Amino acid sequence: MRTLLRIDSSLSGDASYSRRLTAAFSGAWAEAGGEVVTRDLHAEQVPHLPHFGLHFASREGVPADSPARALQDELIGEVLAADALVIGAPLYNYSVPSTLKAWLDHLHVPGRTAGKPAESGPLAGRPAVIMSSRGAAYDTAEAEAHFDHAVPVFRALLGTAMGMEVEAITVDRTLAGLLPELGADRAAGELEEALTAARRRGRELASV
């Protein structure tokens, strides 16, 4: 049985677009016979790294019995035990939520999860699907390059540094209910397209 680790970070609860996408993906994964492990970074927030040494595999200066070590081992262990990741990453002020950034800081450890080259690391080749919800319209590559500083973070850390196969499913115009100029009908259509893509990819990856 293949295991999926589902990471959510939105603070919007049932109104969250990114949670709807991760739910669609993980639901399809489960229907295909896979197991789903969930971590909600808003409900159970990961603290910022309390010690510089936790950035590195040696963890120099961090006591062996430190709770910070134990938490980092737990977070990394969840990822290592998963065959794939699906990560809900809403765009907050053009970047990832701070709770999600704290999780990434615990996970990215050169010499442990990040290899040299990346293809030699323990996570090399594993899929990581980013579900990104964005309030405005990102219809051009220029708009994404200037204002989306969420998905590129995952491509750099999980992809370039850790060797994972990173892909993204995005939904725009999530603020159409507040900003009519974004087009409510188009926003609804784009959400359905993203949900369909999420379900399809969940089934595909669970069946590999």
Protein backbone atom coordinates (compact mmCIF):
# COMPACT_ATOMS: atom_id res chain seq x y z
CA MET A 1 0.00 0.00 0.00
CA ARG A 2 1.38 3.38 -1.01
CA THR A 3 1.40 6.15 1.59
CA LEU A 4 0.56 9.80 0.97
CA LEU A 5 1.54 12.58 3.37
CA ARG A 6 -0.99 15.40 3.18
CA ILE A 7 0.17 18.77 4.50
CA ASP A 8 -2.34 21.59 5.03
CA SER A 9 -1.51 25.13 6.14
CA SER A 10 -4.50 27.35 5.36
CA LEU A 11 -6.13 29.19 8.25
CA SER A 12 -9.50 29.34 6.45
CA GLY A 13 -10.92 25.96 7.49
CA ASP A 14 -13.72 24.65 5.29
CA ALA A 15 -13.61 27.85 3.22
CA SER A 16 -10.04 27.12 2.14
CA TYR A 17 -9.41 26.52 -1.54
CA SER A 18 -6.06 24.81 -0.97
CA ARG A 19 -7.69 22.42 1.52
CA ARG A 20 -10.35 21.55 -1.04
CA LEU A 21 -7.61 20.66 -3.48
CA THR A 22 -5.61 18.55 -1.03
CA ALA A 23 -8.85 16.83 0.01
CA ALA A 24 -9.70 16.03 -3.61
CA PHE A 25 -6.22 14.64 -4.22
CA SER A 26 -6.04 12.61 -1.00
CA GLY A 27 -9.61 11.36 -1.44
CA ALA A 28 -8.75 10.00 -4.88
CA TRP A 29 -5.55 8.50 -3.47
CA ALA A 30 -7.53 6.67 -0.77
CA GLU A 31 -10.14 5.47 -3.27
CA ALA A 32 -7.30 3.96 -5.31
CA GLY A 33 -6.28 1.92 -2.26
CA GLY A 34 -3.57 4.14 -0.77
CA GLU A 35 -3.06 5.25 2.82
CA VAL A 36 -3.24 8.93 3.77
CA VAL A 37 -1.36 10.53 6.69
CA THR A 38 -2.35 14.11 7.45
CA ARG A 39 -0.54 16.96 9.19
CA ASP A 40 -2.39 20.24 9.70
CA LEU A 41 0.17 22.97 10.24
CA HIS A 42 -2.44 25.52 11.26
CA ALA A 43 -4.11 23.34 13.87
CA GLU A 44 -0.77 22.01 15.14
CA GLN A 45 1.78 24.71 14.39
CA VAL A 46 5.45 23.88 14.04
CA PRO A 47 7.66 26.38 15.89
CA HIS A 48 10.40 28.31 14.19
CA LEU A 49 13.77 26.59 14.40
CA PRO A 50 15.04 27.33 17.92
CA HIS A 51 18.69 26.53 17.22
CA PHE A 52 21.02 27.22 14.30
CA GLY A 53 22.43 23.71 14.53
CA LEU A 54 19.15 22.19 13.37
CA HIS A 55 19.86 23.48 9.88
CA PHE A 56 22.56 20.82 9.49
CA ALA A 57 22.84 17.03 9.74
CA SER A 58 25.42 17.21 12.55
CA ARG A 59 23.07 19.32 14.72
CA GLU A 60 26.12 20.58 16.57
CA GLY A 61 25.28 22.31 19.83
CA VAL A 62 21.80 20.81 20.05
CA PRO A 63 21.51 18.40 23.04
CA ALA A 64 20.77 14.81 22.08
CA ASP A 65 17.70 14.77 24.32
CA SER A 66 16.39 18.12 23.07
CA PRO A 67 12.65 18.25 22.29
CA ALA A 68 13.60 20.26 19.20
CA ARG A 69 15.61 17.30 17.89
CA ALA A 70 12.72 14.96 18.57
CA LEU A 71 10.28 17.18 16.70
CA GLN A 72 12.58 17.52 13.71
CA ASP A 73 13.07 13.74 13.62
CA GLU A 74 9.28 13.28 13.72
CA LEU A 75 8.68 15.70 10.85
CA ILE A 76 11.45 14.29 8.69
CA GLY A 77 10.37 10.74 9.50
CA GLU A 78 6.84 11.44 8.24
CA VAL A 79 8.22 12.64 4.93
CA LEU A 80 10.69 9.78 4.54
CA ALA A 81 7.92 7.26 5.21
CA ALA A 82 5.68 8.67 2.48
CA ASP A 83 5.69 7.63 -1.15
CA ALA A 84 4.35 11.05 -2.17
CA LEU A 85 3.49 14.44 -0.71
CA VAL A 86 0.55 16.72 -1.38
CA ILE A 87 0.99 20.18 0.11
CA GLY A 88 -1.65 22.86 0.48
CA ALA A 89 0.12 26.16 -0.04
CA PRO A 90 -2.17 29.20 -0.12
CA LEU A 91 -0.49 32.38 -1.29
CA TYR A 92 -0.39 34.78 1.66
CA ASN A 93 1.04 38.21 0.86
CA TYR A 94 2.75 36.68 -2.20
CA SER A 95 4.51 33.93 -0.22
CA VAL A 96 3.86 30.79 1.83
CA PRO A 97 2.20 30.89 5.27
CA SER A 98 4.76 31.21 8.06
CA THR A 99 3.60 27.88 9.50
CA LEU A 100 4.48 26.15 6.24
CA LYS A 101 7.84 27.92 6.07
CA ALA A 102 8.66 26.67 9.58
CA TRP A 103 7.89 23.10 8.46
CA LEU A 104 10.16 23.51 5.44
CA ASP A 105 12.95 24.86 7.66
CA HIS A 106 12.79 21.69 9.77
CA LEU A 107 12.71 19.48 6.68
CA HIS A 108 15.52 20.96 4.59
CA VAL A 109 18.73 19.61 6.15
CA PRO A 110 21.84 19.45 3.95
CA GLY A 111 23.57 16.13 4.48
CA ARG A 112 20.36 14.48 5.67
CA THR A 113 17.40 15.22 3.43
CA ALA A 114 19.28 17.26 0.83
CA GLY A 115 22.08 15.42 -0.95
CA LYS A 116 25.00 16.47 -3.10
CA PRO A 117 23.97 16.11 -5.84
CA ALA A 118 20.25 16.22 -5.08
CA GLU A 119 19.72 12.98 -7.02
CA SER A 120 21.61 11.11 -4.28
CA GLY A 121 19.38 12.24 -1.41
CA PRO A 122 16.84 9.97 0.30
CA LEU A 123 13.86 11.80 -1.24
CA ALA A 124 15.15 11.82 -4.80
CA GLY A 125 12.47 11.04 -7.36
CA ARG A 126 9.50 11.11 -4.99
CA PRO A 127 6.54 13.19 -6.15
CA ALA A 128 5.51 16.35 -4.31
CA VAL A 129 2.32 17.96 -5.58
CA ILE A 130 1.79 21.56 -4.52
CA MET A 131 -1.79 22.80 -4.29
CA SER A 132 -1.56 26.57 -4.48
CA SER A 133 -4.52 28.92 -4.13
CA ARG A 134 -4.06 32.54 -5.18
CA GLY A 135 -6.45 35.40 -4.58
CA ALA A 136 -5.81 37.42 -7.72
CA ALA A 137 -5.36 36.54 -11.40
CA TYR A 138 -2.04 35.13 -12.57
CA ASP A 139 -2.72 34.86 -16.28
CA THR A 140 0.83 35.56 -17.48
CA ALA A 141 4.29 34.23 -16.71
CA GLU A 142 5.30 37.79 -15.86
CA ALA A 143 2.61 38.03 -13.17
CA GLU A 144 3.73 34.74 -11.64
CA ALA A 145 7.37 35.74 -11.67
CA HIS A 146 6.67 39.04 -9.95
CA PHE A 147 4.06 38.05 -7.38
CA ASP A 148 4.03 34.28 -6.75
CA HIS A 149 6.79 33.51 -4.26
CA ALA A 150 5.17 30.30 -3.02
CA VAL A 151 5.50 27.63 -5.71
CA PRO A 152 9.12 28.63 -6.55
CA VAL A 153 10.06 27.95 -2.92
CA PHE A 154 9.04 24.32 -3.31
CA ARG A 155 10.75 23.96 -6.65
CA ALA A 156 13.97 25.21 -5.07
CA LEU A 157 13.87 23.33 -1.75
CA LEU A 158 12.03 20.11 -2.54
CA GLY A 159 13.06 19.94 -6.18
CA THR A 160 16.52 21.40 -6.72
CA ALA A 161 17.87 20.73 -3.23
CA MET A 162 16.17 17.43 -2.36
CA GLY A 163 15.65 15.95 -5.80
CA MET A 164 11.89 15.47 -5.50
CA GLU A 165 9.62 15.59 -8.54
CA VAL A 166 7.72 18.82 -7.87
CA GLU A 167 4.55 19.74 -9.71
CA ALA A 168 1.90 22.33 -8.98
CA ILE A 169 -1.84 22.59 -9.42
CA THR A 170 -3.00 26.15 -8.93
CA VAL A 171 -6.32 27.90 -8.63
CA ASP A 172 -6.60 31.68 -9.08
CA ARG A 173 -9.25 34.30 -8.42
CA THR A 174 -10.15 32.96 -4.98
CA LEU A 175 -11.06 36.52 -3.97
CA ALA A 176 -13.69 36.82 -6.70
CA GLY A 177 -16.42 36.91 -4.07
CA LEU A 178 -14.91 40.12 -2.72
CA LEU A 179 -13.57 41.56 -5.97
CA PRO A 180 -16.19 41.27 -8.75
CA GLU A 181 -13.67 42.37 -11.37
CA LEU A 182 -11.99 38.96 -11.05
CA GLY A 183 -15.08 37.28 -12.50
CA ALA A 184 -17.03 34.89 -10.29
CA ASP A 185 -18.02 32.58 -13.14
CA ARG A 186 -14.48 32.25 -14.39
CA ALA A 187 -13.25 31.68 -10.83
CA ALA A 188 -15.77 28.86 -10.33
CA GLY A 189 -14.75 27.26 -13.61
CA GLU A 190 -11.06 27.40 -12.76
CA LEU A 191 -11.72 25.84 -9.35
CA GLU A 192 -13.56 22.91 -10.93
CA GLU A 193 -10.72 22.42 -13.40
CA ALA A 194 -8.20 22.38 -10.54
CA LEU A 195 -10.29 19.93 -8.49
CA THR A 196 -10.58 17.62 -11.49
CA ALA A 197 -6.82 17.78 -12.04
CA ALA A 198 -6.20 17.07 -8.34
CA ARG A 199 -8.43 13.98 -8.35
CA ARG A 200 -6.86 12.67 -11.56
CA ARG A 201 -3.32 13.11 -10.28
CA GLY A 202 -4.18 11.53 -6.92
CA ARG A 203 -5.48 8.41 -8.67
CA GLU A 204 -2.48 8.27 -10.99
CA LEU A 205 0.17 8.54 -8.29
CA ALA A 206 -1.57 6.11 -5.95
CA SER A 207 -1.55 3.53 -8.71
CA VAL A 208 2.13 3.77 -9.67
